[in-house]
Amino acid sequence: MTDFVNQTAIITGAGQGIGFAIARALAKQGANVVLNDYDEALAHKAADAIQQDGYRCEAYPGDVSEVSFIEQMVDTAVSRFGSVDIAIANAGITIFGDIFTTTPDAFQKIVNVNLRGSFFLAQAAARQMREQGKGGSMLFMSSVVGHQAHPGLPVYSMTKAGLEMLAKQLVIDFSPLGITVNAIAPGATLTERTLDDPTYIPIWSRITPMGRPATVEDIANAALFLVSPSSRHITGQSLVVDGGWTSVSPPPVE
């Protein structure tokens, strides 16, 4: 497939897991990829892996909660590849803690990465897309916990629900520019982090109606659809990819 030839995509938090799967899939379909991760070594390792397969990918490590960094990343994408056509705000952090134990520092850290980083990536990328005058695609990474309450995640859940509202809100500003903006809400997904827990697969296989957690490719497939020409009339929407879990929502107890 060549839907993304001559397109340039910025993907944050893409050193591994879902972000890396999206970056690799876009590169395989012809996109120029700017791959961000906070972990410098991880960003370069991921970009090198995509390059070794013969595709175009540049590492751009750094902290997406810093607005100046985001602006520099967009400028670098333009100077390296000539445009920014797709921006995927995948970077996010999770810190567990209930309302009684969450500290101001933990609260601010989650909000800075999940909301601030996503908002200002959208701003910087959209400014560049407006200047280019040919539209573009924006994607936020939400979560099923933006739809259903989950123990120990009050701040994280709040930020993920906020991203889905942001996608709706930005329709007002982006539609006249030909820019689509959507969100994906993954459910339980097999990543390097979740696979560290030996109980993860059996628990989530039992409580997911489709009988298994998602793979990162399941999420990447949905992401590519939402930033492709095939979805050019879809905007302001949130797509849940969870094997049916939010329809029944049993808690992940052993």
Protein backbone atom coordinates (compact mmCIF):
# COMPACT_ATOMS: atom_id res chain seq x y z
CA MET A 1 0.00 0.00 0.00
CA THR A 2 1.19 3.52 -0.78
CA ASP A 3 -1.39 5.73 0.90
CA PHE A 4 1.32 7.66 2.74
CA VAL A 5 3.98 8.20 0.08
CA ASN A 6 5.33 11.78 0.29
CA GLN A 7 3.56 12.25 3.64
CA THR A 8 5.49 13.13 6.80
CA ALA A 9 4.27 11.90 10.17
CA ILE A 10 5.33 12.91 13.67
CA ILE A 11 4.63 10.29 16.34
CA THR A 12 5.36 10.92 20.00
CA GLY A 13 6.09 8.25 22.60
CA ALA A 14 7.02 5.83 19.82
CA GLY A 15 10.11 4.11 21.17
CA GLN A 16 8.17 0.92 21.79
CA GLY A 17 4.65 -0.48 22.13
CA ILE A 18 1.73 1.07 20.29
CA GLY A 19 3.65 4.13 19.14
CA PHE A 20 6.40 2.06 17.57
CA ALA A 21 3.88 -0.20 15.83
CA ILE A 22 2.19 2.86 14.31
CA ALA A 23 5.53 4.36 13.27
CA ARG A 24 6.65 1.14 11.60
CA ALA A 25 3.31 0.66 9.83
CA LEU A 26 3.32 4.22 8.47
CA ALA A 27 6.91 3.90 7.30
CA LYS A 28 6.12 0.60 5.53
CA GLN A 29 3.36 2.39 3.62
CA GLY A 30 5.69 5.09 2.40
CA ALA A 31 5.60 7.82 5.04
CA ASN A 32 8.56 9.79 6.28
CA VAL A 33 8.45 9.26 10.05
CA VAL A 34 9.78 11.48 12.83
CA LEU A 35 9.87 9.19 15.84
CA ASN A 36 9.87 10.78 19.28
CA ASP A 37 10.45 9.24 22.67
CA TYR A 38 11.52 10.69 25.99
CA ASP A 39 14.17 7.94 26.26
CA GLU A 40 16.94 8.92 23.85
CA ALA A 41 18.44 5.44 23.52
CA LEU A 42 15.00 3.91 22.93
CA ALA A 43 14.13 6.49 20.27
CA HIS A 44 17.32 5.81 18.32
CA LYS A 45 16.97 2.04 18.67
CA ALA A 46 13.40 2.19 17.33
CA ALA A 47 14.27 4.49 14.42
CA ASP A 48 17.29 2.34 13.54
CA ALA A 49 15.09 -0.77 13.42
CA ILE A 50 12.74 0.90 10.94
CA GLN A 51 15.64 2.22 8.86
CA GLN A 52 17.21 -1.23 8.72
CA ASP A 53 14.03 -2.49 7.08
CA GLY A 54 14.60 0.05 4.32
CA TYR A 55 12.16 2.77 5.39
CA ARG A 56 12.53 6.47 6.24
CA CYS A 57 12.51 7.25 9.94
CA GLU A 58 14.36 9.81 12.02
CA ALA A 59 14.68 9.74 15.80
CA TYR A 60 13.84 12.94 17.65
CA PRO A 61 14.11 12.24 21.39
CA GLY A 62 12.89 14.70 23.99
CA ASP A 63 10.21 15.80 26.40
CA VAL A 64 6.86 16.55 24.72
CA SER A 65 5.60 18.40 27.77
CA GLU A 66 7.98 21.22 26.75
CA VAL A 67 6.32 23.46 24.17
CA SER A 68 9.62 24.74 22.78
CA PHE A 69 10.71 21.16 22.14
CA ILE A 70 7.50 20.41 20.25
CA GLU A 71 7.95 23.47 18.07
CA GLN A 72 11.55 22.48 17.31
CA MET A 73 10.42 18.95 16.41
CA VAL A 74 7.88 20.28 13.90
CA ASP A 75 10.48 22.63 12.41
CA THR A 76 12.95 19.76 12.13
CA ALA A 77 10.39 17.55 10.38
CA VAL A 78 9.79 20.30 7.83
CA SER A 79 13.49 20.97 7.24
CA ARG A 80 14.24 17.25 6.92
CA PHE A 81 11.25 16.09 4.86
CA GLY A 82 9.54 19.25 3.58
CA SER A 83 6.18 19.08 5.36
CA VAL A 84 4.13 17.81 8.29
CA ASP A 85 1.03 15.95 7.17
CA ILE A 86 0.21 13.69 10.12
CA ALA A 87 0.67 14.27 13.84
CA ILE A 88 -0.01 11.47 16.32
CA ALA A 89 0.09 12.39 20.02
CA ASN A 90 0.80 8.97 21.45
CA ALA A 91 3.05 9.92 24.38
CA GLY A 92 1.45 9.40 27.76
CA ILE A 93 2.26 8.34 31.29
CA THR A 94 0.35 6.40 33.91
CA ILE A 95 0.81 6.87 37.66
CA PHE A 96 -1.45 4.81 39.89
CA GLY A 97 -2.98 6.29 43.03
CA ASP A 98 -6.43 7.05 44.36
CA ILE A 99 -7.82 10.50 45.13
CA PHE A 100 -6.48 10.34 48.68
CA THR A 101 -2.88 9.53 47.78
CA THR A 102 -2.26 11.45 44.53
CA THR A 103 0.33 14.16 45.07
CA PRO A 104 0.39 17.53 43.29
CA ASP A 105 3.65 16.53 41.60
CA ALA A 106 2.19 13.28 40.25
CA PHE A 107 -0.94 15.11 39.10
CA GLN A 108 1.06 17.74 37.24
CA LYS A 109 3.38 15.22 35.61
CA ILE A 110 0.47 13.25 34.15
CA VAL A 111 -1.35 16.35 32.96
CA ASN A 112 1.81 17.86 31.45
CA VAL A 113 2.57 14.86 29.25
CA ASN A 114 -0.92 13.57 28.45
CA LEU A 115 -2.77 16.85 27.95
CA ARG A 116 -0.23 19.64 27.54
CA GLY A 117 1.98 17.58 25.23
CA SER A 118 -0.95 16.53 23.05
CA PHE A 119 -2.52 20.00 22.90
CA PHE A 120 0.65 21.79 21.88
CA LEU A 121 1.66 19.15 19.36
CA ALA A 122 -1.73 19.70 17.75
CA GLN A 123 -1.19 23.45 17.83
CA ALA A 124 2.29 23.38 16.31
CA ALA A 125 1.44 20.77 13.68
CA ALA A 126 -1.78 22.53 12.69
CA ARG A 127 0.01 25.84 12.26
CA GLN A 128 2.40 24.12 9.87
CA MET A 129 -0.46 22.37 8.03
CA ARG A 130 -2.27 25.69 7.69
CA GLU A 131 0.82 27.23 6.13
CA GLN A 132 1.13 24.29 3.71
CA GLY A 133 -2.50 24.68 2.67
CA LYS A 134 -3.21 21.03 1.85
CA GLY A 135 -4.89 19.73 4.99
CA GLY A 136 -3.64 16.92 7.20
CA SER A 137 -4.53 14.46 9.93
CA MET A 138 -4.28 14.63 13.72
CA LEU A 139 -4.71 11.71 16.13
CA PHE A 140 -4.82 11.58 19.93
CA MET A 141 -4.28 8.43 21.98
CA SER A 142 -7.04 8.07 24.54
CA SER A 143 -7.97 4.92 26.50
CA VAL A 144 -10.94 2.84 27.53
CA VAL A 145 -10.51 4.36 30.99
CA GLY A 146 -11.59 7.64 29.42
CA HIS A 147 -14.97 5.89 29.08
CA GLN A 148 -15.16 3.59 32.12
CA ALA A 149 -13.94 4.16 35.67
CA HIS A 150 -10.93 2.08 36.69
CA PRO A 151 -9.39 1.71 40.17
CA GLY A 152 -6.32 3.82 40.87
CA LEU A 153 -6.43 6.01 37.74
CA PRO A 154 -8.40 9.18 38.51
CA VAL A 155 -5.93 11.61 36.93
CA TYR A 156 -4.96 9.41 33.98
CA SER A 157 -8.62 8.72 33.20
CA MET A 158 -9.42 12.42 33.37
CA THR A 159 -6.69 13.25 30.86
CA LYS A 160 -7.82 10.53 28.45
CA ALA A 161 -11.42 11.71 28.53
CA GLY A 162 -10.10 15.23 28.01
CA LEU A 163 -8.28 14.21 24.84
CA GLU A 164 -11.51 12.90 23.34
CA MET A 165 -13.23 16.21 24.06
CA LEU A 166 -10.25 18.02 22.59
CA ALA A 167 -10.71 16.06 19.35
CA LYS A 168 -14.32 17.26 19.18
CA GLN A 169 -13.42 20.84 20.02
CA LEU A 170 -10.67 21.12 17.42
CA VAL A 171 -13.11 20.24 14.64
CA ILE A 172 -14.19 23.87 14.83
CA ASP A 173 -10.73 25.23 14.05
CA PHE A 174 -9.34 22.43 11.88
CA SER A 175 -12.18 21.59 9.49
CA PRO A 176 -11.91 24.80 7.44
CA LEU A 177 -8.25 23.88 6.91
CA GLY A 178 -9.00 20.36 5.72
CA ILE A 179 -7.45 18.82 8.84
CA THR A 180 -9.15 15.83 10.44
CA VAL A 181 -8.76 15.21 14.16
CA ASN A 182 -9.75 12.01 15.95
CA ALA A 183 -8.86 9.83 18.91
CA ILE A 184 -8.32 6.13 19.52
CA ALA A 185 -9.18 4.54 22.87
CA PRO A 186 -7.28 1.26 23.19
CA GLY A 187 -8.26 -1.36 25.72
CA ALA A 188 -5.91 -3.95 27.19
CA THR A 189 -2.97 -4.23 24.80
CA LEU A 190 0.09 -6.47 24.71
CA THR A 191 3.14 -4.22 25.00
CA GLU A 192 6.59 -4.55 26.54
CA ARG A 193 5.21 -3.06 29.75
CA THR A 194 2.09 -5.20 30.11
CA LEU A 195 3.92 -8.40 29.17
CA ASP A 196 6.10 -7.94 32.26
CA ASP A 197 3.02 -8.99 34.26
CA PRO A 198 2.53 -12.78 33.99
CA THR A 199 -1.14 -12.42 34.97
CA TYR A 200 -1.96 -9.88 32.26
CA ILE A 201 -2.79 -12.22 29.38
CA PRO A 202 -4.88 -14.72 31.36
CA ILE A 203 -6.88 -12.04 33.19
CA TRP A 204 -7.60 -9.86 30.16
CA SER A 205 -8.28 -12.85 27.93
CA ARG A 206 -10.93 -13.96 30.40
CA ILE A 207 -12.70 -10.63 30.72
CA THR A 208 -12.43 -9.41 27.10
CA PRO A 209 -15.43 -10.57 25.04
CA MET A 210 -13.24 -11.31 22.00
CA GLY A 211 -11.13 -13.60 24.17
CA ARG A 212 -7.77 -11.84 24.08
CA PRO A 213 -6.08 -8.49 24.66
CA ALA A 214 -5.25 -6.37 21.62
CA THR A 215 -1.92 -6.58 19.89
CA VAL A 216 -0.10 -3.36 19.07
CA GLU A 217 -0.85 -4.11 15.41
CA ASP A 218 -4.59 -4.05 16.18
CA ILE A 219 -4.23 -0.49 17.43
CA ALA A 220 -1.86 0.52 14.63
CA ASN A 221 -4.34 -0.69 12.01
CA ALA A 222 -7.03 1.56 13.48
CA ALA A 223 -4.62 4.48 13.67
CA LEU A 224 -3.59 4.16 10.04
CA PHE A 225 -7.20 4.14 8.94
CA LEU A 226 -7.95 7.35 10.85
CA VAL A 227 -5.01 9.23 9.34
CA SER A 228 -5.46 7.85 5.84
CA PRO A 229 -7.42 9.21 2.85
CA SER A 230 -9.99 6.46 3.52
CA SER A 231 -11.25 8.41 6.55
CA ARG A 232 -11.17 11.90 5.10
CA HIS A 233 -14.80 12.56 6.14
CA ILE A 234 -14.35 11.27 9.71
CA THR A 235 -13.42 13.91 12.25
CA GLY A 236 -14.09 14.70 15.90
CA GLN A 237 -14.59 11.01 16.67
CA SER A 238 -13.19 8.53 19.20
CA LEU A 239 -12.73 4.92 18.14
CA VAL A 240 -12.66 2.32 20.94
CA VAL A 241 -10.45 -0.68 20.12
CA ASP A 242 -10.92 -3.04 23.05
CA GLY A 243 -12.37 -6.37 21.92
CA GLY A 244 -15.71 -5.38 23.41
CA TRP A 245 -14.51 -4.74 26.97
CA THR A 246 -16.28 -1.39 27.42
CA SER A 247 -19.58 -3.05 26.51
CA VAL A 248 -19.42 -5.23 29.62
CA SER A 249 -16.57 -3.66 31.67
CA PRO A 250 -15.68 -6.35 34.19
CA PRO A 251 -12.77 -5.30 36.44
CA PRO A 252 -9.37 -6.99 36.01
CA VAL A 253 -9.32 -8.98 39.24
CA GLU A 254 -7.44 -12.26 39.69
